[in-house]
Every structure is written in C-alpha cells, then in structure tokens.
PDB file of all heavy atoms in Angstrom:
ATOM      1  N   ASP A   1      -9.437   7.848   2.705  1.00  0.00           N
ATOM      2  CA  ASP A   1     -10.275   7.116   1.749  1.00  0.00           C
ATOM      3  C   ASP A   1      -9.747   7.400   0.345  1.00  0.00           C
ATOM      4  O   ASP A   1      -9.990   8.478  -0.212  1.00  0.00           O
ATOM      5  CB  ASP A   1     -11.731   7.588   1.874  1.00  0.00           C
ATOM      6  CG  ASP A   1     -12.643   6.931   0.861  1.00  0.00           C
ATOM      7  OD1 ASP A   1     -12.197   6.034   0.117  1.00  0.00           O
ATOM      8  OD2 ASP A   1     -13.827   7.347   0.804  1.00  0.00           O
ATOM      9  N   PRO A   2      -9.029   6.465  -0.260  1.00  0.00           N
ATOM     10  CA  PRO A   2      -8.466   6.692  -1.594  1.00  0.00           C
ATOM     11  C   PRO A   2      -9.512   6.988  -2.666  1.00  0.00           C
ATOM     12  O   PRO A   2      -9.194   7.563  -3.695  1.00  0.00           O
ATOM     13  CB  PRO A   2      -7.733   5.390  -1.914  1.00  0.00           C
ATOM     14  CG  PRO A   2      -7.526   4.719  -0.603  1.00  0.00           C
ATOM     15  CD  PRO A   2      -8.653   5.167   0.277  1.00  0.00           C
ATOM     16  N   ALA A   3     -10.762   6.636  -2.409  1.00  0.00           N
ATOM     17  CA  ALA A   3     -11.822   6.888  -3.385  1.00  0.00           C
ATOM     18  C   ALA A   3     -12.408   8.291  -3.246  1.00  0.00           C
ATOM     19  O   ALA A   3     -13.202   8.720  -4.080  1.00  0.00           O
ATOM     20  CB  ALA A   3     -12.932   5.852  -3.225  1.00  0.00           C
ATOM     21  N   ALA A   4     -12.012   9.022  -2.213  1.00  0.00           N
ATOM     22  CA  ALA A   4     -12.538  10.374  -2.002  1.00  0.00           C
ATOM     23  C   ALA A   4     -12.039  11.311  -3.092  1.00  0.00           C
ATOM     24  O   ALA A   4     -10.973  11.093  -3.676  1.00  0.00           O
ATOM     25  CB  ALA A   4     -12.106  10.890  -0.628  1.00  0.00           C
ATOM     26  N   PRO A   5     -12.803  12.376  -3.379  1.00  0.00           N
ATOM     27  CA  PRO A   5     -12.363  13.342  -4.388  1.00  0.00           C
ATOM     28  C   PRO A   5     -11.016  13.965  -3.996  1.00  0.00           C
ATOM     29  O   PRO A   5     -10.750  14.195  -2.819  1.00  0.00           O
ATOM     30  CB  PRO A   5     -13.452  14.412  -4.384  1.00  0.00           C
ATOM     31  CG  PRO A   5     -14.596  13.835  -3.628  1.00  0.00           C
ATOM     32  CD  PRO A   5     -14.068  12.745  -2.761  1.00  0.00           C
ATOM     33  N   ASP A   6     -10.191  14.214  -4.984  1.00  0.00           N
ATOM     34  CA  ASP A   6      -8.875  14.804  -4.745  1.00  0.00           C
ATOM     35  C   ASP A   6      -9.000  16.333  -4.735  1.00  0.00           C
ATOM     36  O   ASP A   6      -8.559  17.015  -5.654  1.00  0.00           O
ATOM     37  CB  ASP A   6      -7.903  14.345  -5.831  1.00  0.00           C
ATOM     38  CG  ASP A   6      -6.493  14.831  -5.577  1.00  0.00           C
ATOM     39  OD1 ASP A   6      -6.248  15.508  -4.563  1.00  0.00           O
ATOM     40  OD2 ASP A   6      -5.623  14.544  -6.417  1.00  0.00           O
ATOM     41  N   ASP A   7      -9.623  16.855  -3.689  1.00  0.00           N
ATOM     42  CA  ASP A   7      -9.817  18.303  -3.578  1.00  0.00           C
ATOM     43  C   ASP A   7      -9.161  18.859  -2.313  1.00  0.00           C
ATOM     44  O   ASP A   7      -9.580  19.861  -1.766  1.00  0.00           O
ATOM     45  CB  ASP A   7     -11.307  18.646  -3.597  1.00  0.00           C
ATOM     46  CG  ASP A   7     -12.082  18.011  -2.453  1.00  0.00           C
ATOM     47  OD1 ASP A   7     -11.507  17.180  -1.715  1.00  0.00           O
ATOM     48  OD2 ASP A   7     -13.268  18.343  -2.287  1.00  0.00           O
ATOM     49  N   TYR A   8      -8.107  18.208  -1.863  1.00  0.00           N
ATOM     50  CA  TYR A   8      -7.444  18.599  -0.618  1.00  0.00           C
ATOM     51  C   TYR A   8      -6.903  20.032  -0.650  1.00  0.00           C
ATOM     52  O   TYR A   8      -7.082  20.763   0.329  1.00  0.00           O
ATOM     53  CB  TYR A   8      -6.344  17.598  -0.257  1.00  0.00           C
ATOM     54  CG  TYR A   8      -6.858  16.181  -0.217  1.00  0.00           C
ATOM     55  CD1 TYR A   8      -6.490  15.262  -1.171  1.00  0.00           C
ATOM     56  CD2 TYR A   8      -7.764  15.789   0.763  1.00  0.00           C
ATOM     57  CE1 TYR A   8      -6.986  13.972  -1.152  1.00  0.00           C
ATOM     58  CE2 TYR A   8      -8.269  14.499   0.789  1.00  0.00           C
ATOM     59  CZ  TYR A   8      -7.878  13.595  -0.176  1.00  0.00           C
ATOM     60  OH  TYR A   8      -8.382  12.332  -0.158  1.00  0.00           O
ATOM     61  N   PRO A   9      -6.273  20.458  -1.739  1.00  0.00           N
ATOM     62  CA  PRO A   9      -5.786  21.845  -1.744  1.00  0.00           C
ATOM     63  C   PRO A   9      -6.911  22.858  -1.507  1.00  0.00           C
ATOM     64  O   PRO A   9      -6.735  23.841  -0.784  1.00  0.00           O
ATOM     65  CB  PRO A   9      -5.179  22.006  -3.140  1.00  0.00           C
ATOM     66  CG  PRO A   9      -4.765  20.622  -3.510  1.00  0.00           C
ATOM     67  CD  PRO A   9      -5.839  19.730  -2.925  1.00  0.00           C
ATOM     68  N   LYS A  10      -8.064  22.603  -2.079  1.00  0.00           N
ATOM     69  CA  LYS A  10      -9.211  23.506  -1.903  1.00  0.00           C
ATOM     70  C   LYS A  10      -9.704  23.479  -0.449  1.00  0.00           C
ATOM     71  O   LYS A  10     -10.053  24.513   0.114  1.00  0.00           O
ATOM     72  CB  LYS A  10     -10.330  23.087  -2.863  1.00  0.00           C
ATOM     73  CG  LYS A  10     -11.495  24.016  -2.884  1.00  0.00           C
ATOM     74  CD  LYS A  10     -11.167  25.198  -3.739  1.00  0.00           C
ATOM     75  CE  LYS A  10     -12.407  26.051  -3.930  1.00  0.00           C
ATOM     76  NZ  LYS A  10     -12.063  27.445  -4.093  1.00  0.00           N
ATOM     77  N   ARG A  11      -9.697  22.301   0.154  1.00  0.00           N
ATOM     78  CA  ARG A  11     -10.189  22.161   1.524  1.00  0.00           C
ATOM     79  C   ARG A  11      -9.317  22.890   2.547  1.00  0.00           C
ATOM     80  O   ARG A  11      -9.797  23.294   3.601  1.00  0.00           O
ATOM     81  CB  ARG A  11     -10.252  20.692   1.933  1.00  0.00           C
ATOM     82  CG  ARG A  11     -11.291  19.884   1.210  1.00  0.00           C
ATOM     83  CD  ARG A  11     -11.336  18.499   1.809  1.00  0.00           C
ATOM     84  NE  ARG A  11     -11.889  17.527   0.898  1.00  0.00           N
ATOM     85  CZ  ARG A  11     -12.079  16.265   1.214  1.00  0.00           C
ATOM     86  NH1 ARG A  11     -11.729  15.813   2.402  1.00  0.00           N
ATOM     87  NH2 ARG A  11     -12.584  15.430   0.337  1.00  0.00           N
ATOM     88  N   ILE A  12      -8.026  23.032   2.247  1.00  0.00           N
ATOM     89  CA  ILE A  12      -7.115  23.603   3.242  1.00  0.00           C
ATOM     90  C   ILE A  12      -6.578  24.987   2.869  1.00  0.00           C
ATOM     91  O   ILE A  12      -5.820  25.580   3.631  1.00  0.00           O
ATOM     92  CB  ILE A  12      -5.926  22.655   3.502  1.00  0.00           C
ATOM     93  CG1 ILE A  12      -5.153  22.391   2.216  1.00  0.00           C
ATOM     94  CG2 ILE A  12      -6.417  21.360   4.142  1.00  0.00           C
ATOM     95  CD1 ILE A  12      -3.908  21.560   2.383  1.00  0.00           C
ATOM     96  N   GLU A  13      -6.983  25.521   1.723  1.00  0.00           N
ATOM     97  CA  GLU A  13      -6.405  26.783   1.259  1.00  0.00           C
ATOM     98  C   GLU A  13      -6.693  27.958   2.198  1.00  0.00           C
ATOM     99  O   GLU A  13      -5.971  28.955   2.167  1.00  0.00           O
ATOM    100  CB  GLU A  13      -6.859  27.116  -0.158  1.00  0.00           C
ATOM    101  CG  GLU A  13      -8.309  27.505  -0.287  1.00  0.00           C
ATOM    102  CD  GLU A  13      -8.730  27.736  -1.728  1.00  0.00           C
ATOM    103  OE1 GLU A  13      -7.864  27.797  -2.631  1.00  0.00           O
ATOM    104  OE2 GLU A  13      -9.934  27.852  -1.960  1.00  0.00           O
ATOM    105  N   HIS A  14      -7.679  27.846   3.045  1.00  0.00           N
ATOM    106  CA  HIS A  14      -8.021  28.942   3.970  1.00  0.00           C
ATOM    107  C   HIS A  14      -7.065  29.029   5.167  1.00  0.00           C
ATOM    108  O   HIS A  14      -7.114  29.992   5.924  1.00  0.00           O
ATOM    109  CB  HIS A  14      -9.457  28.768   4.479  1.00  0.00           C
ATOM    110  CG  HIS A  14      -9.635  27.575   5.376  1.00  0.00           C
ATOM    111  ND1 HIS A  14      -9.731  26.286   4.878  1.00  0.00           N
ATOM    112  CD2 HIS A  14      -9.705  27.468   6.721  1.00  0.00           C
ATOM    113  CE1 HIS A  14      -9.856  25.447   5.893  1.00  0.00           C
ATOM    114  NE2 HIS A  14      -9.842  26.135   7.019  1.00  0.00           N
ATOM    115  N   LEU A  15      -6.196  28.046   5.323  1.00  0.00           N
ATOM    116  CA  LEU A  15      -5.275  28.026   6.465  1.00  0.00           C
ATOM    117  C   LEU A  15      -4.018  28.840   6.120  1.00  0.00           C
ATOM    118  O   LEU A  15      -3.198  28.407   5.306  1.00  0.00           O
ATOM    119  CB  LEU A  15      -4.901  26.579   6.821  1.00  0.00           C
ATOM    120  CG  LEU A  15      -6.082  25.698   7.242  1.00  0.00           C
ATOM    121  CD1 LEU A  15      -5.665  24.239   7.309  1.00  0.00           C
ATOM    122  CD2 LEU A  15      -6.648  26.174   8.570  1.00  0.00           C
ATOM    123  N   PRO A  16      -3.853  30.017   6.722  1.00  0.00           N
ATOM    124  CA  PRO A  16      -2.759  30.913   6.334  1.00  0.00           C
ATOM    125  C   PRO A  16      -1.371  30.411   6.706  1.00  0.00           C
ATOM    126  O   PRO A  16      -0.381  30.904   6.169  1.00  0.00           O
ATOM    127  CB  PRO A  16      -3.086  32.208   7.088  1.00  0.00           C
ATOM    128  CG  PRO A  16      -3.892  31.778   8.266  1.00  0.00           C
ATOM    129  CD  PRO A  16      -4.687  30.581   7.788  1.00  0.00           C
ATOM    130  N   GLN A  17      -1.282  29.421   7.571  1.00  0.00           N
ATOM    131  CA  GLN A  17       0.024  28.889   7.961  1.00  0.00           C
ATOM    132  C   GLN A  17       0.680  28.084   6.830  1.00  0.00           C
ATOM    133  O   GLN A  17       1.877  27.834   6.855  1.00  0.00           O
ATOM    134  CB  GLN A  17      -0.104  27.976   9.195  1.00  0.00           C
ATOM    135  CG  GLN A  17      -0.727  28.629  10.398  1.00  0.00           C
ATOM    136  CD  GLN A  17      -2.248  28.424  10.441  1.00  0.00           C
ATOM    137  OE1 GLN A  17      -2.926  28.365   9.418  1.00  0.00           O
ATOM    138  NE2 GLN A  17      -2.780  28.318  11.652  1.00  0.00           N
ATOM    139  N   ILE A  18      -0.130  27.689   5.848  1.00  0.00           N
ATOM    140  CA  ILE A  18       0.390  26.899   4.731  1.00  0.00           C
ATOM    141  C   ILE A  18       0.990  27.849   3.702  1.00  0.00           C
ATOM    142  O   ILE A  18       0.287  28.653   3.097  1.00  0.00           O
ATOM    143  CB  ILE A  18      -0.724  26.038   4.092  1.00  0.00           C
ATOM    144  CG1 ILE A  18      -1.307  25.078   5.129  1.00  0.00           C
ATOM    145  CG2 ILE A  18      -0.172  25.278   2.879  1.00  0.00           C
ATOM    146  CD1 ILE A  18      -2.536  24.330   4.651  1.00  0.00           C
ATOM    147  N   GLU A  19       2.312  27.730   3.522  1.00  0.00           N
ATOM    148  CA  GLU A  19       3.010  28.588   2.562  1.00  0.00           C
ATOM    149  C   GLU A  19       3.011  27.995   1.161  1.00  0.00           C
ATOM    150  O   GLU A  19       3.029  28.725   0.180  1.00  0.00           O
ATOM    151  CB  GLU A  19       4.468  28.793   2.984  1.00  0.00           C
ATOM    152  CG  GLU A  19       4.626  29.620   4.230  1.00  0.00           C
ATOM    153  CD  GLU A  19       6.090  29.885   4.537  1.00  0.00           C
ATOM    154  OE1 GLU A  19       6.968  29.077   4.155  1.00  0.00           O
ATOM    155  OE2 GLU A  19       6.359  30.917   5.175  1.00  0.00           O
ATOM    156  N   ALA A  20       3.034  26.673   1.055  1.00  0.00           N
ATOM    157  CA  ALA A  20       3.081  26.022  -0.251  1.00  0.00           C
ATOM    158  C   ALA A  20       2.419  24.660  -0.164  1.00  0.00           C
ATOM    159  O   ALA A  20       2.441  24.007   0.880  1.00  0.00           O
ATOM    160  CB  ALA A  20       4.529  25.862  -0.709  1.00  0.00           C
ATOM    161  N   CYS A  21       1.821  24.246  -1.279  1.00  0.00           N
ATOM    162  CA  CYS A  21       1.174  22.942  -1.390  1.00  0.00           C
ATOM    163  C   CYS A  21       1.656  22.310  -2.689  1.00  0.00           C
ATOM    164  O   CYS A  21       1.460  22.866  -3.772  1.00  0.00           O
ATOM    165  CB  CYS A  21      -0.346  23.112  -1.406  1.00  0.00           C
ATOM    166  SG  CYS A  21      -1.263  21.574  -1.641  1.00  0.00           S
ATOM    167  N   TYR A  22       2.330  21.158  -2.553  1.00  0.00           N
ATOM    168  CA  TYR A  22       2.902  20.465  -3.707  1.00  0.00           C
ATOM    169  C   TYR A  22       2.174  19.149  -3.936  1.00  0.00           C
ATOM    170  O   TYR A  22       2.066  18.337  -3.017  1.00  0.00           O
ATOM    171  CB  TYR A  22       4.382  20.151  -3.468  1.00  0.00           C
ATOM    172  CG  TYR A  22       5.218  21.349  -3.082  1.00  0.00           C
ATOM    173  CD1 TYR A  22       5.531  21.591  -1.744  1.00  0.00           C
ATOM    174  CD2 TYR A  22       5.690  22.228  -4.039  1.00  0.00           C
ATOM    175  CE1 TYR A  22       6.303  22.688  -1.377  1.00  0.00           C
ATOM    176  CE2 TYR A  22       6.468  23.325  -3.685  1.00  0.00           C
ATOM    177  CZ  TYR A  22       6.776  23.555  -2.356  1.00  0.00           C
ATOM    178  OH  TYR A  22       7.534  24.629  -2.000  1.00  0.00           O
ATOM    179  N   SER A  23       1.685  18.918  -5.150  1.00  0.00           N
ATOM    180  CA  SER A  23       1.150  17.616  -5.531  1.00  0.00           C
ATOM    181  C   SER A  23       2.355  16.747  -5.876  1.00  0.00           C
ATOM    182  O   SER A  23       3.219  17.162  -6.657  1.00  0.00           O
ATOM    183  CB  SER A  23       0.233  17.764  -6.740  1.00  0.00           C
ATOM    184  OG  SER A  23      -0.211  16.498  -7.176  1.00  0.00           O
ATOM    185  N   VAL A  24       2.420  15.554  -5.280  1.00  0.00           N
ATOM    186  CA  VAL A  24       3.613  14.724  -5.438  1.00  0.00           C
ATOM    187  C   VAL A  24       3.263  13.298  -5.855  1.00  0.00           C
ATOM    188  O   VAL A  24       2.150  12.829  -5.631  1.00  0.00           O
ATOM    189  CB  VAL A  24       4.446  14.682  -4.130  1.00  0.00           C
ATOM    190  CG1 VAL A  24       4.964  16.067  -3.788  1.00  0.00           C
ATOM    191  CG2 VAL A  24       3.642  14.110  -2.971  1.00  0.00           C
ATOM    192  N   ALA A  25       4.241  12.633  -6.436  1.00  0.00           N
ATOM    193  CA  ALA A  25       4.111  11.216  -6.752  1.00  0.00           C
ATOM    194  C   ALA A  25       4.609  10.429  -5.546  1.00  0.00           C
ATOM    195  O   ALA A  25       5.469  10.900  -4.803  1.00  0.00           O
ATOM    196  CB  ALA A  25       4.948  10.873  -7.979  1.00  0.00           C
ATOM    197  N   GLY A  26       4.072   9.266  -5.352  1.00  0.00           N
ATOM    198  CA  GLY A  26       4.502   8.436  -4.237  1.00  0.00           C
ATOM    199  C   GLY A  26       3.342   8.096  -3.332  1.00  0.00           C
ATOM    200  O   GLY A  26       2.182   8.223  -3.706  1.00  0.00           O
ATOM    201  N   GLU A  27       3.657   7.681  -2.125  1.00  0.00           N
ATOM    202  CA  GLU A  27       2.629   7.273  -1.180  1.00  0.00           C
ATOM    203  C   GLU A  27       1.721   8.435  -0.780  1.00  0.00           C
ATOM    204  O   GLU A  27       0.517   8.299  -0.677  1.00  0.00           O
ATOM    205  CB  GLU A  27       3.287   6.674   0.062  1.00  0.00           C
ATOM    206  CG  GLU A  27       2.292   6.009   0.992  1.00  0.00           C
ATOM    207  CD  GLU A  27       2.986   5.289   2.127  1.00  0.00           C
ATOM    208  OE1 GLU A  27       4.019   4.641   1.888  1.00  0.00           O
ATOM    209  OE2 GLU A  27       2.472   5.386   3.256  1.00  0.00           O
ATOM    210  N   GLU A  28       2.320   9.589  -0.532  1.00  0.00           N
ATOM    211  CA  GLU A  28       1.538  10.765  -0.173  1.00  0.00           C
ATOM    212  C   GLU A  28       0.961  11.408  -1.427  1.00  0.00           C
ATOM    213  O   GLU A  28       1.481  11.232  -2.524  1.00  0.00           O
ATOM    214  CB  GLU A  28       2.405  11.812   0.555  1.00  0.00           C
ATOM    215  CG  GLU A  28       2.893  11.375   1.904  1.00  0.00           C
ATOM    216  CD  GLU A  28       4.261  10.721   1.874  1.00  0.00           C
ATOM    217  OE1 GLU A  28       4.867  10.634   0.783  1.00  0.00           O
ATOM    218  OE2 GLU A  28       4.722  10.283   2.928  1.00  0.00           O
ATOM    219  N   SER A  29      -0.110  12.170  -1.235  1.00  0.00           N
ATOM    220  CA  SER A  29      -0.709  12.891  -2.360  1.00  0.00           C
ATOM    221  C   SER A  29      -0.173  14.311  -2.456  1.00  0.00           C
ATOM    222  O   SER A  29      -0.003  14.850  -3.545  1.00  0.00           O
ATOM    223  CB  SER A  29      -2.228  12.949  -2.196  1.00  0.00           C
ATOM    224  OG  SER A  29      -2.775  11.660  -2.249  1.00  0.00           O
ATOM    225  N   TYR A  30       0.045  14.932  -1.304  1.00  0.00           N
ATOM    226  CA  TYR A  30       0.500  16.322  -1.252  1.00  0.00           C
ATOM    227  C   TYR A  30       1.519  16.479  -0.132  1.00  0.00           C
ATOM    228  O   TYR A  30       1.480  15.758   0.863  1.00  0.00           O
ATOM    229  CB  TYR A  30      -0.673  17.275  -0.979  1.00  0.00           C
ATOM    230  CG  TYR A  30      -1.658  17.307  -2.114  1.00  0.00           C
ATOM    231  CD1 TYR A  30      -2.749  16.456  -2.136  1.00  0.00           C
ATOM    232  CD2 TYR A  30      -1.472  18.179  -3.187  1.00  0.00           C
ATOM    233  CE1 TYR A  30      -3.638  16.455  -3.199  1.00  0.00           C
ATOM    234  CE2 TYR A  30      -2.361  18.194  -4.248  1.00  0.00           C
ATOM    235  CZ  TYR A  30      -3.442  17.335  -4.248  1.00  0.00           C
ATOM    236  OH  TYR A  30      -4.308  17.340  -5.310  1.00  0.00           O
ATOM    237  N   ILE A  31       2.400  17.450  -0.318  1.00  0.00           N
ATOM    238  CA  ILE A  31       3.301  17.869   0.752  1.00  0.00           C
ATOM    239  C   ILE A  31       3.115  19.365   0.931  1.00  0.00           C
ATOM    240  O   ILE A  31       3.133  20.133  -0.044  1.00  0.00           O
ATOM    241  CB  ILE A  31       4.769  17.529   0.442  1.00  0.00           C
ATOM    242  CG1 ILE A  31       4.941  16.006   0.341  1.00  0.00           C
ATOM    243  CG2 ILE A  31       5.689  18.116   1.516  1.00  0.00           C
ATOM    244  CD1 ILE A  31       6.339  15.563  -0.041  1.00  0.00           C
ATOM    245  N   LEU A  32       2.911  19.766   2.169  1.00  0.00           N
ATOM    246  CA  LEU A  32       2.720  21.179   2.508  1.00  0.00           C
ATOM    247  C   LEU A  32       3.969  21.715   3.184  1.00  0.00           C
ATOM    248  O   LEU A  32       4.599  21.012   3.974  1.00  0.00           O
ATOM    249  CB  LEU A  32       1.550  21.339   3.485  1.00  0.00           C
ATOM    250  CG  LEU A  32       0.245  20.632   3.150  1.00  0.00           C
ATOM    251  CD1 LEU A  32      -0.751  20.823   4.288  1.00  0.00           C
ATOM    252  CD2 LEU A  32      -0.316  21.150   1.839  1.00  0.00           C
ATOM    253  N   ARG A  33       4.306  22.959   2.894  1.00  0.00           N
ATOM    254  CA  ARG A  33       5.323  23.664   3.678  1.00  0.00           C
ATOM    255  C   ARG A  33       4.578  24.673   4.527  1.00  0.00           C
ATOM    256  O   ARG A  33       3.805  25.474   4.008  1.00  0.00           O
ATOM    257  CB  ARG A  33       6.333  24.383   2.782  1.00  0.00           C
ATOM    258  CG  ARG A  33       7.482  25.001   3.593  1.00  0.00           C
ATOM    259  CD  ARG A  33       8.485  25.740   2.742  1.00  0.00           C
ATOM    260  NE  ARG A  33       7.874  26.962   2.267  1.00  0.00           N
ATOM    261  CZ  ARG A  33       7.964  27.425   1.029  1.00  0.00           C
ATOM    262  NH1 ARG A  33       8.633  26.762   0.107  1.00  0.00           N
ATOM    263  NH2 ARG A  33       7.388  28.558   0.695  1.00  0.00           N
ATOM    264  N   VAL A  34       4.767  24.574   5.844  1.00  0.00           N
ATOM    265  CA  VAL A  34       4.039  25.445   6.758  1.00  0.00           C
ATOM    266  C   VAL A  34       5.011  26.197   7.655  1.00  0.00           C
ATOM    267  O   VAL A  34       6.147  25.775   7.864  1.00  0.00           O
ATOM    268  CB  VAL A  34       3.034  24.646   7.629  1.00  0.00           C
ATOM    269  CG1 VAL A  34       2.061  23.862   6.755  1.00  0.00           C
ATOM    270  CG2 VAL A  34       3.743  23.727   8.600  1.00  0.00           C
ATOM    271  N   ARG A  35       4.543  27.318   8.182  1.00  0.00           N
ATOM    272  CA  ARG A  35       5.333  28.104   9.124  1.00  0.00           C
ATOM    273  C   ARG A  35       4.402  28.513  10.269  1.00  0.00           C
ATOM    274  O   ARG A  35       3.340  29.070  10.026  1.00  0.00           O
ATOM    275  CB  ARG A  35       5.913  29.334   8.431  1.00  0.00           C
ATOM    276  CG  ARG A  35       6.990  30.016   9.252  1.00  0.00           C
ATOM    277  CD  ARG A  35       7.639  31.146   8.494  1.00  0.00           C
ATOM    278  NE  ARG A  35       8.296  30.750   7.273  1.00  0.00           N
ATOM    279  CZ  ARG A  35       9.597  30.474   7.160  1.00  0.00           C
ATOM    280  NH1 ARG A  35      10.374  30.535   8.211  1.00  0.00           N
ATOM    281  NH2 ARG A  35      10.107  30.159   5.997  1.00  0.00           N
ATOM    282  N   VAL A  36       4.829  28.196  11.500  1.00  0.00           N
ATOM    283  CA  VAL A  36       4.010  28.464  12.682  1.00  0.00           C
ATOM    284  C   VAL A  36       4.870  29.020  13.813  1.00  0.00           C
ATOM    285  O   VAL A  36       6.098  29.017  13.741  1.00  0.00           O
ATOM    286  CB  VAL A  36       3.273  27.192  13.160  1.00  0.00           C
ATOM    287  CG1 VAL A  36       2.241  26.724  12.140  1.00  0.00           C
ATOM    288  CG2 VAL A  36       4.253  26.070  13.464  1.00  0.00           C
ATOM    289  N   ALA A  37       4.201  29.445  14.873  1.00  0.00           N
ATOM    290  CA  ALA A  37       4.885  30.096  15.996  1.00  0.00           C
ATOM    291  C   ALA A  37       5.515  29.126  16.987  1.00  0.00           C
ATOM    292  O   ALA A  37       6.471  29.484  17.671  1.00  0.00           O
ATOM    293  CB  ALA A  37       3.909  31.017  16.719  1.00  0.00           C
ATOM    294  N   SER A  38       4.974  27.895  17.073  1.00  0.00           N
ATOM    295  CA  SER A  38       5.445  26.994  18.134  1.00  0.00           C
ATOM    296  C   SER A  38       5.032  25.555  17.837  1.00  0.00           C
ATOM    297  O   SER A  38       4.172  25.315  16.974  1.00  0.00           O
ATOM    298  CB  SER A  38       4.814  27.415  19.464  1.00  0.00           C
ATOM    299  OG  SER A  38       3.409  27.188  19.420  1.00  0.00           O
ATOM    300  N   PRO A  39       5.593  24.610  18.582  1.00  0.00           N
ATOM    301  CA  PRO A  39       5.139  23.224  18.442  1.00  0.00           C
ATOM    302  C   PRO A  39       3.636  23.079  18.732  1.00  0.00           C
ATOM    303  O   PRO A  39       2.945  22.309  18.063  1.00  0.00           O
ATOM    304  CB  PRO A  39       5.985  22.463  19.460  1.00  0.00           C
ATOM    305  CG  PRO A  39       7.240  23.268  19.568  1.00  0.00           C
ATOM    306  CD  PRO A  39       6.781  24.705  19.451  1.00  0.00           C
ATOM    307  N   LEU A  40       3.146  23.818  19.701  1.00  0.00           N
ATOM    308  CA  LEU A  40       1.712  23.773  20.011  1.00  0.00           C
ATOM    309  C   LEU A  40       0.882  24.270  18.828  1.00  0.00           C
ATOM    310  O   LEU A  40      -0.153  23.686  18.490  1.00  0.00           O
ATOM    311  CB  LEU A  40       1.419  24.602  21.267  1.00  0.00           C
ATOM    312  CG  LEU A  40      -0.008  24.528  21.807  1.00  0.00           C
ATOM    313  CD1 LEU A  40      -0.373  23.094  22.180  1.00  0.00           C
ATOM    314  CD2 LEU A  40      -0.153  25.444  23.012  1.00  0.00           C
ATOM    315  N   ALA A  41       1.350  25.322  18.178  1.00  0.00           N
ATOM    316  CA  ALA A  41       0.651  25.840  16.998  1.00  0.00           C
ATOM    317  C   ALA A  41       0.690  24.827  15.859  1.00  0.00           C
ATOM    318  O   ALA A  41      -0.284  24.676  15.115  1.00  0.00           O
ATOM    319  CB  ALA A  41       1.264  27.166  16.559  1.00  0.00           C
ATOM    320  N   LEU A  42       1.800  24.105  15.723  1.00  0.00           N
ATOM    321  CA  LEU A  42       1.895  23.053  14.707  1.00  0.00           C
ATOM    322  C   LEU A  42       0.908  21.931  15.006  1.00  0.00           C
ATOM    323  O   LEU A  42       0.213  21.446  14.114  1.00  0.00           O
ATOM    324  CB  LEU A  42       3.322  22.505  14.629  1.00  0.00           C
ATOM    325  CG  LEU A  42       3.552  21.373  13.633  1.00  0.00           C
ATOM    326  CD1 LEU A  42       3.194  21.786  12.214  1.00  0.00           C
ATOM    327  CD2 LEU A  42       4.997  20.889  13.718  1.00  0.00           C
ATOM    328  N   GLU A  43       0.835  21.556  16.259  1.00  0.00           N
ATOM    329  CA  GLU A  43      -0.108  20.506  16.661  1.00  0.00           C
ATOM    330  C   GLU A  43      -1.539  20.919  16.337  1.00  0.00           C
ATOM    331  O   GLU A  43      -2.333  20.124  15.823  1.00  0.00           O
ATOM    332  CB  GLU A  43       0.059  20.228  18.150  1.00  0.00           C
ATOM    333  CG  GLU A  43      -0.752  19.055  18.644  1.00  0.00           C
ATOM    334  CD  GLU A  43      -0.478  18.745  20.113  1.00  0.00           C
ATOM    335  OE1 GLU A  43      -0.130  19.660  20.887  1.00  0.00           O
ATOM    336  OE2 GLU A  43      -0.619  17.573  20.465  1.00  0.00           O
TER     337      GLU A  43
END
C-alpha cells in the first residue's frame, strides 16, 4: 500500500538476520542485506 506510513525499518529492526537496511531510490523503498543459515531460514 503506497499510502501506508514509511516505517518499514522500525517494523523489521527486531530481526537479527538483517545486517543492513538501505533506503533507496527507484521502484523499491528499501534494500536489506541479510545473513542466514540456509535457504529454509531465508524463506
């Protein structure tokens, strides 16, 4: 929902797998760099 508040970093900051959160220009709003143990953990 493009009209929703832009508070995504706050909503996901509790997830320790996220190493970095970048606000970006373009179609996406944010790009995350994550590190996990397996494809299942990524899913």
